[in-house]
PDB file of N, CA and C in Angstrom:
ATOM      1  N   MET A   1      52.471  11.371   9.284  1.00  0.00           N
ATOM      2  CA  MET A   1      51.705  11.765  10.245  1.00  0.00           C
ATOM      3  C   MET A   1      50.340  12.160   9.912  1.00  0.00           C
ATOM      4  N   HIS A   2      50.101  12.831   8.826  1.00  0.00           N
ATOM      5  CA  HIS A   2      48.953  13.429   8.164  1.00  0.00           C
ATOM      6  C   HIS A   2      48.327  12.176   7.534  1.00  0.00           C
ATOM      7  N   LYS A   3      48.911  11.142   7.085  1.00  0.00           N
ATOM      8  CA  LYS A   3      48.204  10.321   6.473  1.00  0.00           C
ATOM      9  C   LYS A   3      47.426   9.446   7.231  1.00  0.00           C
ATOM     10  N   ALA A   4      48.138   9.087   8.576  1.00  0.00           N
ATOM     11  CA  ALA A   4      47.608   8.432   9.779  1.00  0.00           C
ATOM     12  C   ALA A   4      46.349   9.207  10.306  1.00  0.00           C
ATOM     13  N   SER A   5      46.324  10.573  10.290  1.00  0.00           N
ATOM     14  CA  SER A   5      45.381  11.337  10.782  1.00  0.00           C
ATOM     15  C   SER A   5      43.844  11.315  10.073  1.00  0.00           C
ATOM     16  N   LEU A   6      44.362  11.554   8.511  1.00  0.00           N
ATOM     17  CA  LEU A   6      43.400  11.467   7.323  1.00  0.00           C
ATOM     18  C   LEU A   6      42.713  10.263   7.519  1.00  0.00           C
ATOM     19  N   ALA A   7      43.592   8.964   7.471  1.00  0.00           N
ATOM     20  CA  ALA A   7      42.948   7.536   7.700  1.00  0.00           C
ATOM     21  C   ALA A   7      41.961   7.513   8.713  1.00  0.00           C
ATOM     22  N   SER A   8      42.384   7.968  10.132  1.00  0.00           N
ATOM     23  CA  SER A   8      41.414   7.605  10.884  1.00  0.00           C
ATOM     24  C   SER A   8      40.289   8.551  11.416  1.00  0.00           C
ATOM     25  N   THR A   9      40.217   9.874  10.806  1.00  0.00           N
ATOM     26  CA  THR A   9      39.194  10.645  10.397  1.00  0.00           C
ATOM     27  C   THR A   9      38.306   9.922   9.474  1.00  0.00           C
ATOM     28  N   LEU A  10      38.712   9.461   8.573  1.00  0.00           N
ATOM     29  CA  LEU A  10      37.704   8.850   7.311  1.00  0.00           C
ATOM     30  C   LEU A  10      37.118   7.541   7.974  1.00  0.00           C
ATOM     31  N   LEU A  11      37.909   6.857   8.816  1.00  0.00           N
ATOM     32  CA  LEU A  11      37.383   5.564   9.438  1.00  0.00           C
ATOM     33  C   LEU A  11      36.418   6.020  10.538  1.00  0.00           C
ATOM     34  N   LEU A  12      36.602   6.884  11.156  1.00  0.00           N
ATOM     35  CA  LEU A  12      35.529   7.310  12.519  1.00  0.00           C
ATOM     36  C   LEU A  12      34.083   7.706  11.550  1.00  0.00           C
ATOM     37  N   GLN A  13      34.529   8.788  10.714  1.00  0.00           N
ATOM     38  CA  GLN A  13      33.389   9.175   9.775  1.00  0.00           C
ATOM     39  C   GLN A  13      32.472   7.861   9.213  1.00  0.00           C
ATOM     40  N   ALA A  14      33.189   7.027   8.458  1.00  0.00           N
ATOM     41  CA  ALA A  14      32.467   5.925   8.122  1.00  0.00           C
ATOM     42  C   ALA A  14      31.896   4.911   9.073  1.00  0.00           C
ATOM     43  N   LEU A  15      32.402   4.941  10.392  1.00  0.00           N
ATOM     44  CA  LEU A  15      31.867   4.003  11.282  1.00  0.00           C
ATOM     45  C   LEU A  15      30.624   4.857  12.065  1.00  0.00           C
ATOM     46  N   PHE A  16      30.571   5.898  12.200  1.00  0.00           N
ATOM     47  CA  PHE A  16      29.509   6.758  12.688  1.00  0.00           C
ATOM     48  C   PHE A  16      28.337   7.516  11.645  1.00  0.00           C
ATOM     49  N   LEU A  17      28.717   7.408  10.471  1.00  0.00           N
ATOM     50  CA  LEU A  17      27.605   7.760   9.461  1.00  0.00           C
ATOM     51  C   LEU A  17      26.287   6.983   9.346  1.00  0.00           C
ATOM     52  N   PRO A  18      26.560   5.699   9.631  1.00  0.00           N
ATOM     53  CA  PRO A  18      24.945   5.142   9.832  1.00  0.00           C
ATOM     54  C   PRO A  18      24.066   5.585  10.835  1.00  0.00           C
ATOM     55  N   ARG A  19      24.767   5.794  12.036  1.00  0.00           N
ATOM     56  CA  ARG A  19      24.185   6.530  13.121  1.00  0.00           C
ATOM     57  C   ARG A  19      23.310   7.853  12.542  1.00  0.00           C
ATOM     58  N   LEU A  20      24.070   8.636  11.960  1.00  0.00           N
ATOM     59  CA  LEU A  20      23.453  10.055  11.602  1.00  0.00           C
ATOM     60  C   LEU A  20      22.442   9.604  10.877  1.00  0.00           C
ATOM     61  N   VAL A  21      22.657   8.882   9.628  1.00  0.00           N
ATOM     62  CA  VAL A  21      21.513   8.397   8.533  1.00  0.00           C
ATOM     63  C   VAL A  21      19.998   7.931   9.304  1.00  0.00           C
ATOM     64  N   PHE A  22      20.223   6.890  10.319  1.00  0.00           N
ATOM     65  CA  PHE A  22      19.334   6.489  10.893  1.00  0.00           C
ATOM     66  C   PHE A  22      18.550   7.125  11.825  1.00  0.00           C
ATOM     67  N   ALA A  23      19.186   8.344  12.179  1.00  0.00           N
ATOM     68  CA  ALA A  23      18.495   9.379  13.190  1.00  0.00           C
ATOM     69  C   ALA A  23      17.673  10.395  12.719  1.00  0.00           C
ATOM     70  N   ALA A  24      17.523  10.268  11.343  1.00  0.00           N
ATOM     71  CA  ALA A  24      16.954  11.173  10.655  1.00  0.00           C
ATOM     72  C   ALA A  24      15.318  10.835  10.582  1.00  0.00           C
ATOM     73  N   THR A  25      14.292  11.766  10.866  1.00  0.00           N
ATOM     74  CA  THR A  25      12.763  11.409  10.977  1.00  0.00           C
ATOM     75  C   THR A  25      12.442  12.248   9.936  1.00  0.00           C
ATOM     76  N   PRO A  26      11.084  12.167   9.074  1.00  0.00           N
ATOM     77  CA  PRO A  26      10.788  13.038   8.512  1.00  0.00           C
ATOM     78  C   PRO A  26       9.924  13.896   9.199  1.00  0.00           C
ATOM     79  N   PRO A  27      10.018  15.336   8.918  1.00  0.00           N
ATOM     80  CA  PRO A  27       9.335  16.367   9.386  1.00  0.00           C
ATOM     81  C   PRO A  27       7.992  16.475   9.772  1.00  0.00           C
ATOM     82  N   ASP A  28       7.470  16.813  10.626  1.00  0.00           N
ATOM     83  CA  ASP A  28       5.979  16.777  11.203  1.00  0.00           C
ATOM     84  C   ASP A  28       5.118  17.283  10.009  1.00  0.00           C
ATOM     85  N   GLU A  29       5.297  18.251   9.236  1.00  0.00           N
ATOM     86  CA  GLU A  29       4.803  18.550   7.882  1.00  0.00           C
ATOM     87  C   GLU A  29       4.316  17.631   6.942  1.00  0.00           C
ATOM     88  N   VAL A  30       5.613  16.829   6.681  1.00  0.00           N
ATOM     89  CA  VAL A  30       5.506  15.785   5.621  1.00  0.00           C
ATOM     90  C   VAL A  30       4.684  14.711   6.384  1.00  0.00           C
ATOM     91  N   LEU A  31       4.656  14.461   7.725  1.00  0.00           N
ATOM     92  CA  LEU A  31       4.013  13.288   7.930  1.00  0.00           C
ATOM     93  C   LEU A  31       2.416  13.689   8.369  1.00  0.00           C
ATOM     94  N   GLU A  32       2.103  14.956   8.399  1.00  0.00           N
ATOM     95  CA  GLU A  32       0.940  15.550   8.366  1.00  0.00           C
ATOM     96  C   GLU A  32      -0.148  15.464   7.220  1.00  0.00           C
ATOM     97  N   PHE A  33       1.153  16.085   6.301  1.00  0.00           N
ATOM     98  CA  PHE A  33       0.457  15.926   4.749  1.00  0.00           C
ATOM     99  C   PHE A  33       0.166  14.514   4.211  1.00  0.00           C
ATOM    100  N   VAL A  34       1.335  13.302   4.310  1.00  0.00           N
ATOM    101  CA  VAL A  34       0.999  12.140   3.876  1.00  0.00           C
ATOM    102  C   VAL A  34      -0.523  11.494   4.716  1.00  0.00           C
ATOM    103  N   GLY A  35      -0.381  11.859   6.002  1.00  0.00           N
ATOM    104  CA  GLY A  35      -1.626  11.399   6.729  1.00  0.00           C
ATOM    105  C   GLY A  35      -3.128  11.971   6.124  1.00  0.00           C
ATOM    106  N   LYS A  36      -2.878  13.224   5.902  1.00  0.00           N
ATOM    107  CA  LYS A  36      -4.275  13.780   5.416  1.00  0.00           C
ATOM    108  C   LYS A  36      -4.554  13.252   4.198  1.00  0.00           C
ATOM    109  N   ILE A  37      -3.439  12.811   3.031  1.00  0.00           N
ATOM    110  CA  ILE A  37      -3.828  12.555   1.743  1.00  0.00           C
ATOM    111  C   ILE A  37      -4.266  10.948   2.139  1.00  0.00           C
ATOM    112  N   SER A  38      -3.759  10.168   2.982  1.00  0.00           N
ATOM    113  CA  SER A  38      -4.275   8.836   3.219  1.00  0.00           C
ATOM    114  C   SER A  38      -5.414   8.898   3.717  1.00  0.00           C
ATOM    115  N   THR A  39      -5.891   9.681   4.630  1.00  0.00           N
ATOM    116  CA  THR A  39      -7.149   9.566   5.253  1.00  0.00           C
ATOM    117  C   THR A  39      -8.208  10.113   4.330  1.00  0.00           C
ATOM    118  N   ASN A  40      -8.205  11.140   3.721  1.00  0.00           N
ATOM    119  CA  ASN A  40      -9.180  12.044   2.953  1.00  0.00           C
ATOM    120  C   ASN A  40      -9.208  11.244   1.769  1.00  0.00           C
ATOM    121  N   ILE A  41      -8.341  10.897   0.871  1.00  0.00           N
ATOM    122  CA  ILE A  41      -8.172  10.654  -0.490  1.00  0.00           C
ATOM    123  C   ILE A  41      -8.023   9.357  -0.830  1.00  0.00           C
ATOM    124  N   LEU A  42      -7.054   8.315  -0.353  1.00  0.00           N
ATOM    125  CA  LEU A  42      -6.680   7.119  -0.632  1.00  0.00           C
ATOM    126  C   LEU A  42      -7.505   5.958   0.159  1.00  0.00           C
ATOM    127  N   ASN A  43      -7.773   6.217   1.247  1.00  0.00           N
ATOM    128  CA  ASN A  43      -8.902   5.103   2.212  1.00  0.00           C
ATOM    129  C   ASN A  43     -10.089   5.082   1.605  1.00  0.00           C
ATOM    130  N   PRO A  44     -10.710   6.218   1.336  1.00  0.00           N
ATOM    131  CA  PRO A  44     -12.098   6.387   0.706  1.00  0.00           C
ATOM    132  C   PRO A  44     -11.982   5.877  -0.638  1.00  0.00           C
ATOM    133  N   LEU A  45     -10.956   6.158  -1.308  1.00  0.00           N
ATOM    134  CA  LEU A  45     -10.940   5.360  -2.650  1.00  0.00           C
ATOM    135  C   LEU A  45     -10.950   3.948  -2.717  1.00  0.00           C
ATOM    136  N   ILE A  46      -9.976   3.534  -1.920  1.00  0.00           N
ATOM    137  CA  ILE A  46      -9.639   2.036  -2.064  1.00  0.00           C
ATOM    138  C   ILE A  46     -10.890   1.548  -1.501  1.00  0.00           C
ATOM    139  N   MET A  47     -11.811   1.897  -0.189  1.00  0.00           N
ATOM    140  CA  MET A  47     -13.089   1.483  -0.051  1.00  0.00           C
ATOM    141  C   MET A  47     -14.019   1.423  -1.222  1.00  0.00           C
ATOM    142  N   ILE A  48     -14.117   2.560  -1.779  1.00  0.00           N
ATOM    143  CA  ILE A  48     -15.089   2.627  -3.001  1.00  0.00           C
ATOM    144  C   ILE A  48     -14.683   1.476  -4.050  1.00  0.00           C
ATOM    145  N   LEU A  49     -13.576   1.312  -4.676  1.00  0.00           N
ATOM    146  CA  LEU A  49     -13.188   0.516  -5.568  1.00  0.00           C
ATOM    147  C   LEU A  49     -13.174  -0.767  -5.010  1.00  0.00           C
ATOM    148  N   PHE A  50     -13.076  -1.196  -3.559  1.00  0.00           N
ATOM    149  CA  PHE A  50     -13.359  -2.304  -3.331  1.00  0.00           C
ATOM    150  C   PHE A  50     -14.717  -2.643  -3.398  1.00  0.00           C
ATOM    151  N   ALA A  51     -15.694  -1.932  -2.806  1.00  0.00           N
ATOM    152  CA  ALA A  51     -17.127  -1.989  -2.797  1.00  0.00           C
ATOM    153  C   ALA A  51     -17.410  -2.531  -4.357  1.00  0.00           C
ATOM    154  N   LEU A  52     -16.967  -1.535  -5.276  1.00  0.00           N
ATOM    155  CA  LEU A  52     -17.026  -1.718  -6.747  1.00  0.00           C
ATOM    156  C   LEU A  52     -16.951  -3.128  -7.331  1.00  0.00           C
ATOM    157  N   ALA A  53     -15.592  -3.748  -6.903  1.00  0.00           N
ATOM    158  CA  ALA A  53     -15.289  -5.118  -7.001  1.00  0.00           C
ATOM    159  C   ALA A  53     -16.098  -6.171  -6.550  1.00  0.00           C
ATOM    160  N   PHE A  54     -16.702  -5.768  -5.387  1.00  0.00           N
ATOM    161  CA  PHE A  54     -17.532  -6.776  -4.669  1.00  0.00           C
ATOM    162  C   PHE A  54     -18.890  -6.995  -5.191  1.00  0.00           C
ATOM    163  N   VAL A  55     -19.212  -5.828  -5.748  1.00  0.00           N
ATOM    164  CA  VAL A  55     -20.865  -5.851  -6.732  1.00  0.00           C
ATOM    165  C   VAL A  55     -20.540  -6.537  -7.954  1.00  0.00           C
ATOM    166  N   TYR A  56     -19.308  -6.164  -8.573  1.00  0.00           N
ATOM    167  CA  TYR A  56     -19.096  -6.631  -9.694  1.00  0.00           C
ATOM    168  C   TYR A  56     -19.052  -8.423  -9.696  1.00  0.00           C
ATOM    169  N   PHE A  57     -18.530  -9.079  -8.469  1.00  0.00           N
ATOM    170  CA  PHE A  57     -18.396 -10.284  -8.154  1.00  0.00           C
ATOM    171  C   PHE A  57     -19.675 -11.062  -7.670  1.00  0.00           C
ATOM    172  N   VAL A  58     -20.446 -10.239  -7.129  1.00  0.00           N
ATOM    173  CA  VAL A  58     -21.698 -10.585  -6.812  1.00  0.00           C
ATOM    174  C   VAL A  58     -22.506 -10.647  -8.158  1.00  0.00           C
ATOM    175  N   TYR A  59     -22.527  -9.818  -8.866  1.00  0.00           N
ATOM    176  CA  TYR A  59     -23.224  -9.928 -10.338  1.00  0.00           C
ATOM    177  C   TYR A  59     -22.900 -10.916 -11.080  1.00  0.00           C
ATOM    178  N   GLY A  60     -21.438 -11.393 -10.921  1.00  0.00           N
ATOM    179  CA  GLY A  60     -21.049 -12.524 -11.767  1.00  0.00           C
ATOM    180  C   GLY A  60     -21.552 -13.877 -11.068  1.00  0.00           C
ATOM    181  N   VAL A  61     -21.605 -13.938  -9.635  1.00  0.00           N
ATOM    182  CA  VAL A  61     -22.313 -15.170  -8.929  1.00  0.00           C
ATOM    183  C   VAL A  61     -23.986 -15.076  -9.366  1.00  0.00           C
ATOM    184  N   ALA A  62     -24.528 -14.080  -9.409  1.00  0.00           N
ATOM    185  CA  ALA A  62     -25.809 -13.932  -9.722  1.00  0.00           C
ATOM    186  C   ALA A  62     -26.156 -14.207 -11.278  1.00  0.00           C
ATOM    187  N   ALA A  63     -25.371 -14.007 -12.082  1.00  0.00           N
ATOM    188  CA  ALA A  63     -25.431 -14.200 -13.690  1.00  0.00           C
ATOM    189  C   ALA A  63     -25.090 -15.779 -13.715  1.00  0.00           C
ATOM    190  N   TYR A  64     -24.378 -16.228 -13.086  1.00  0.00           N
ATOM    191  CA  TYR A  64     -24.047 -17.742 -12.924  1.00  0.00           C
ATOM    192  C   TYR A  64     -25.200 -18.555 -12.496  1.00  0.00           C
ATOM    193  N   ILE A  65     -25.544 -18.038 -11.380  1.00  0.00           N
ATOM    194  CA  ILE A  65     -26.839 -19.145 -10.748  1.00  0.00           C
ATOM    195  C   ILE A  65     -27.914 -18.969 -11.500  1.00  0.00           C
ATOM    196  N   TRP A  66     -28.388 -17.666 -11.974  1.00  0.00           N
ATOM    197  CA  TRP A  66     -29.672 -17.393 -12.714  1.00  0.00           C
ATOM    198  C   TRP A  66     -29.964 -18.025 -14.011  1.00  0.00           C
ATOM    199  N   ASN A  67     -28.570 -18.529 -14.555  1.00  0.00           N
ATOM    200  CA  ASN A  67     -28.834 -18.846 -16.154  1.00  0.00           C
ATOM    201  C   ASN A  67     -27.909 -20.378 -16.245  1.00  0.00           C
ATOM    202  N   PRO A  68     -28.839 -21.206 -15.543  1.00  0.00           N
ATOM    203  CA  PRO A  68     -28.081 -22.545 -15.823  1.00  0.00           C
ATOM    204  C   PRO A  68     -28.071 -23.171 -17.233  1.00  0.00           C
ATOM    205  N   ASP A  69     -29.304 -22.660 -18.010  1.00  0.00           N
ATOM    206  CA  ASP A  69     -29.053 -23.371 -19.460  1.00  0.00           C
ATOM    207  C   ASP A  69     -28.380 -22.581 -20.335  1.00  0.00           C
ATOM    208  N   ASN A  70     -28.208 -21.455 -20.248  1.00  0.00           N
ATOM    209  CA  ASN A  70     -27.190 -20.395 -21.127  1.00  0.00           C
ATOM    210  C   ASN A  70     -25.748 -20.525 -20.977  1.00  0.00           C
ATOM    211  N   GLU A  71     -25.330 -21.216 -21.389  1.00  0.00           N
ATOM    212  CA  GLU A  71     -23.427 -21.298 -21.446  1.00  0.00           C
ATOM    213  C   GLU A  71     -23.043 -20.007 -21.362  1.00  0.00           C
ATOM    214  N   GLU A  72     -23.455 -19.290 -22.366  1.00  0.00           N
ATOM    215  CA  GLU A  72     -22.669 -18.116 -22.787  1.00  0.00           C
ATOM    216  C   GLU A  72     -22.776 -17.074 -21.247  1.00  0.00           C
ATOM    217  N   ALA A  73     -24.024 -17.224 -20.819  1.00  0.00           N
ATOM    218  CA  ALA A  73     -24.201 -16.136 -19.747  1.00  0.00           C
ATOM    219  C   ALA A  73     -23.679 -16.847 -18.551  1.00  0.00           C
ATOM    220  N   ARG A  74     -23.447 -17.810 -18.650  1.00  0.00           N
ATOM    221  CA  ARG A  74     -22.503 -18.503 -17.420  1.00  0.00           C
ATOM    222  C   ARG A  74     -20.894 -18.129 -17.394  1.00  0.00           C
ATOM    223  N   THR A  75     -20.536 -18.292 -18.730  1.00  0.00           N
ATOM    224  CA  THR A  75     -19.342 -17.936 -18.791  1.00  0.00           C
ATOM    225  C   THR A  75     -18.959 -16.562 -18.541  1.00  0.00           C
ATOM    226  N   LYS A  76     -20.053 -15.652 -19.049  1.00  0.00           N
ATOM    227  CA  LYS A  76     -19.805 -13.995 -18.860  1.00  0.00           C
ATOM    228  C   LYS A  76     -19.731 -14.169 -16.933  1.00  0.00           C
ATOM    229  N   GLY A  77     -20.661 -14.959 -16.236  1.00  0.00           N
ATOM    230  CA  GLY A  77     -20.729 -14.705 -14.777  1.00  0.00           C
ATOM    231  C   GLY A  77     -19.424 -15.232 -14.361  1.00  0.00           C
ATOM    232  N   LYS A  78     -18.805 -16.302 -14.996  1.00  0.00           N
ATOM    233  CA  LYS A  78     -17.566 -16.778 -14.259  1.00  0.00           C
ATOM    234  C   LYS A  78     -16.396 -15.537 -14.493  1.00  0.00           C
ATOM    235  N   MET A  79     -16.336 -14.946 -15.700  1.00  0.00           N
ATOM    236  CA  MET A  79     -15.515 -13.927 -15.960  1.00  0.00           C
ATOM    237  C   MET A  79     -15.743 -12.811 -15.039  1.00  0.00           C
ATOM    238  N   SER A  80     -16.968 -12.460 -14.470  1.00  0.00           N
ATOM    239  CA  SER A  80     -17.135 -11.483 -13.723  1.00  0.00           C
ATOM    240  C   SER A  80     -16.817 -11.560 -12.276  1.00  0.00           C
ATOM    241  N   MET A  81     -16.925 -13.137 -11.860  1.00  0.00           N
ATOM    242  CA  MET A  81     -16.492 -13.411 -10.361  1.00  0.00           C
ATOM    243  C   MET A  81     -15.123 -13.241 -10.498  1.00  0.00           C
ATOM    244  N   LEU A  82     -14.498 -13.957 -11.485  1.00  0.00           N
ATOM    245  CA  LEU A  82     -12.827 -13.755 -11.618  1.00  0.00           C
ATOM    246  C   LEU A  82     -12.169 -12.300 -11.404  1.00  0.00           C
ATOM    247  N   TRP A  83     -12.983 -11.492 -12.309  1.00  0.00           N
ATOM    248  CA  TRP A  83     -12.301 -10.130 -12.236  1.00  0.00           C
ATOM    249  C   TRP A  83     -12.897  -9.492 -10.971  1.00  0.00           C
ATOM    250  N   GLY A  84     -13.679  -9.607 -10.426  1.00  0.00           N
ATOM    251  CA  GLY A  84     -14.477  -9.139  -9.195  1.00  0.00           C
ATOM    252  C   GLY A  84     -13.276  -9.589  -8.042  1.00  0.00           C
ATOM    253  N   VAL A  85     -12.895 -10.878  -8.132  1.00  0.00           N
ATOM    254  CA  VAL A  85     -11.856 -11.190  -7.357  1.00  0.00           C
ATOM    255  C   VAL A  85     -10.476 -10.815  -7.637  1.00  0.00           C
ATOM    256  N   VAL A  86     -10.191 -10.590  -8.500  1.00  0.00           N
ATOM    257  CA  VAL A  86      -8.814 -10.183  -8.891  1.00  0.00           C
ATOM    258  C   VAL A  86      -8.837  -8.408  -8.327  1.00  0.00           C
ATOM    259  N   GLY A  87     -10.038  -7.728  -8.821  1.00  0.00           N
ATOM    260  CA  GLY A  87     -10.321  -6.485  -8.115  1.00  0.00           C
ATOM    261  C   GLY A  87     -10.138  -6.370  -6.661  1.00  0.00           C
ATOM    262  N   MET A  88     -10.544  -7.165  -6.129  1.00  0.00           N
ATOM    263  CA  MET A  88     -10.554  -7.136  -4.251  1.00  0.00           C
ATOM    264  C   MET A  88      -9.317  -7.668  -4.089  1.00  0.00           C
ATOM    265  N   PHE A  89      -8.464  -8.309  -4.821  1.00  0.00           N
ATOM    266  CA  PHE A  89      -7.148  -8.662  -4.483  1.00  0.00           C
ATOM    267  C   PHE A  89      -6.234  -7.413  -4.310  1.00  0.00           C
ATOM    268  N   ILE A  90      -6.304  -6.683  -5.603  1.00  0.00           N
ATOM    269  CA  ILE A  90      -5.653  -5.499  -5.852  1.00  0.00           C
ATOM    270  C   ILE A  90      -5.779  -4.473  -5.025  1.00  0.00           C
ATOM    271  N   MET A  91      -7.135  -4.233  -4.398  1.00  0.00           N
ATOM    272  CA  MET A  91      -7.488  -3.506  -3.444  1.00  0.00           C
ATOM    273  C   MET A  91      -6.933  -3.689  -2.132  1.00  0.00           C
ATOM    274  N   VAL A  92      -6.936  -5.114  -1.847  1.00  0.00           N
ATOM    275  CA  VAL A  92      -6.225  -5.284  -0.600  1.00  0.00           C
ATOM    276  C   VAL A  92      -4.488  -5.392  -0.486  1.00  0.00           C
ATOM    277  N   SER A  93      -4.039  -5.311  -1.659  1.00  0.00           N
ATOM    278  CA  SER A  93      -2.598  -5.222  -1.857  1.00  0.00           C
ATOM    279  C   SER A  93      -2.419  -3.828  -2.005  1.00  0.00           C
ATOM    280  N   VAL A  94      -3.138  -3.177  -2.474  1.00  0.00           N
ATOM    281  CA  VAL A  94      -2.962  -1.492  -2.313  1.00  0.00           C
ATOM    282  C   VAL A  94      -2.760  -1.074  -0.799  1.00  0.00           C
ATOM    283  N   PHE A  95      -3.764  -1.662  -0.154  1.00  0.00           N
ATOM    284  CA  PHE A  95      -3.966  -1.054   1.418  1.00  0.00           C
ATOM    285  C   PHE A  95      -2.688  -1.687   1.920  1.00  0.00           C
ATOM    286  N   GLY A  96      -2.324  -3.017   1.664  1.00  0.00           N
ATOM    287  CA  GLY A  96      -1.061  -3.518   2.209  1.00  0.00           C
ATOM    288  C   GLY A  96       0.367  -2.934   1.966  1.00  0.00           C
ATOM    289  N   ILE A  97       0.455  -2.480   0.744  1.00  0.00           N
ATOM    290  CA  ILE A  97       1.224  -1.726   0.225  1.00  0.00           C
ATOM    291  C   ILE A  97       1.857  -0.146   0.826  1.00  0.00           C
ATOM    292  N   MET A  98       0.539   0.053   1.079  1.00  0.00           N
ATOM    293  CA  MET A  98       0.555   1.506   1.602  1.00  0.00           C
ATOM    294  C   MET A  98       0.814   1.444   3.232  1.00  0.00           C
ATOM    295  N   LYS A  99       0.525   0.464   3.840  1.00  0.00           N
ATOM    296  CA  LYS A  99       1.093   0.110   5.346  1.00  0.00           C
ATOM    297  C   LYS A  99       2.617  -0.351   5.032  1.00  0.00           C
ATOM    298  N   PHE A 100       2.958  -1.033   4.276  1.00  0.00           N
ATOM    299  CA  PHE A 100       4.514  -1.248   3.910  1.00  0.00           C
ATOM    300  C   PHE A 100       5.431   0.088   3.956  1.00  0.00           C
ATOM    301  N   ILE A 101       4.754   0.918   3.085  1.00  0.00           N
ATOM    302  CA  ILE A 101       5.691   2.100   2.900  1.00  0.00           C
ATOM    303  C   ILE A 101       5.647   3.041   3.864  1.00  0.00           C
ATOM    304  N   ILE A 102       4.439   3.037   4.443  1.00  0.00           N
ATOM    305  CA  ILE A 102       4.562   3.895   5.809  1.00  0.00           C
ATOM    306  C   ILE A 102       5.424   3.332   6.682  1.00  0.00           C
ATOM    307  N   SER A 103       5.325   2.125   7.005  1.00  0.00           N
ATOM    308  CA  SER A 103       6.413   1.635   7.940  1.00  0.00           C
ATOM    309  C   SER A 103       7.865   1.709   7.804  1.00  0.00           C
ATOM    310  N   SER A 104       7.950   1.706   6.215  1.00  0.00           N
ATOM    311  CA  SER A 104       9.453   1.652   5.905  1.00  0.00           C
ATOM    312  C   SER A 104      10.237   3.250   6.183  1.00  0.00           C
ATOM    313  N   ILE A 105       9.119   4.031   6.084  1.00  0.00           N
ATOM    314  CA  ILE A 105       9.687   5.431   5.953  1.00  0.00           C
ATOM    315  C   ILE A 105      10.020   6.121   7.477  1.00  0.00           C
ATOM    316  N   GLY A 106       9.689   5.120   8.461  1.00  0.00           N
ATOM    317  CA  GLY A 106       9.833   5.117   9.889  1.00  0.00           C
ATOM    318  C   GLY A 106       8.936   6.158  10.588  1.00  0.00           C
ATOM    319  N   ALA A 107       7.529   6.084  10.034  1.00  0.00           N
ATOM    320  CA  ALA A 107       6.542   6.966  10.516  1.00  0.00           C
ATOM    321  C   ALA A 107       5.402   6.205  11.166  1.00  0.00           C
ATOM    322  N   ASP A 108       5.848   4.923  11.821  1.00  0.00           N
ATOM    323  CA  ASP A 108       4.873   3.916  12.177  1.00  0.00           C
ATOM    324  C   ASP A 108       3.874   4.490  13.355  1.00  0.00           C
ATOM    325  N   ASP A 109       4.369   5.197  13.980  1.00  0.00           N
ATOM    326  CA  ASP A 109       3.299   5.574  15.260  1.00  0.00           C
ATOM    327  C   ASP A 109       2.596   6.801  14.558  1.00  0.00           C
ATOM    328  N   ALA A 110       3.194   7.605  13.876  1.00  0.00           N
ATOM    329  CA  ALA A 110       2.258   8.780  13.675  1.00  0.00           C
ATOM    330  C   ALA A 110       1.288   8.561  12.430  1.00  0.00           C
ATOM    331  N   LEU A 111       1.707   7.822  11.312  1.00  0.00           N
ATOM    332  CA  LEU A 111       1.067   7.656  10.309  1.00  0.00           C
ATOM    333  C   LEU A 111      -0.066   6.408  10.436  1.00  0.00           C
ATOM    334  N   MET A 112       0.209   5.122  11.218  1.00  0.00           N
ATOM    335  CA  MET A 112      -0.268   3.855  11.103  1.00  0.00           C
ATOM    336  C   MET A 112      -1.757   4.199  11.541  1.00  0.00           C
ATOM    337  N   ASN A 113      -2.018   5.379  12.230  1.00  0.00           N
ATOM    338  CA  ASN A 113      -3.375   5.364  12.547  1.00  0.00           C
ATOM    339  C   ASN A 113      -4.416   5.909  11.483  1.00  0.00           C
ATOM    340  N   TYR A 114      -3.587   6.740  10.401  1.00  0.00           N
ATOM    341  CA  TYR A 114      -4.331   7.194   9.359  1.00  0.00           C
ATOM    342  C   TYR A 114      -4.693   6.092   8.353  1.00  0.00           C
ATOM    343  N   VAL A 115      -4.172   4.776   8.128  1.00  0.00           N
ATOM    344  CA  VAL A 115      -4.115   3.873   7.175  1.00  0.00           C
ATOM    345  C   VAL A 115      -5.490   2.810   7.930  1.00  0.00           C
TER     346      VAL A 115
END
């Protein structure tokens, strides 16, 4: 009798444990803190780095166009364009990763406005 009671108790706990886990939400202080970090630090930093990568890309385009006879300057311009595009891709990826992390912790409504 004792084994059947123990088995049924363990079975019920195993069945209802996921409901308890999925019911957890982050505290408001954590959401507010992450939102402030995202709004005040990460978003401006990503935008500044994106702007720098874009300026570097434009510099590469200018170096490529304005030096049609100098093969070394054209190669340097190509590399600047390539690394500018890579930098912009990284910044867009970081922005997407931030959105993914915020949505995976279950803070869609509270933090999506900050990103």
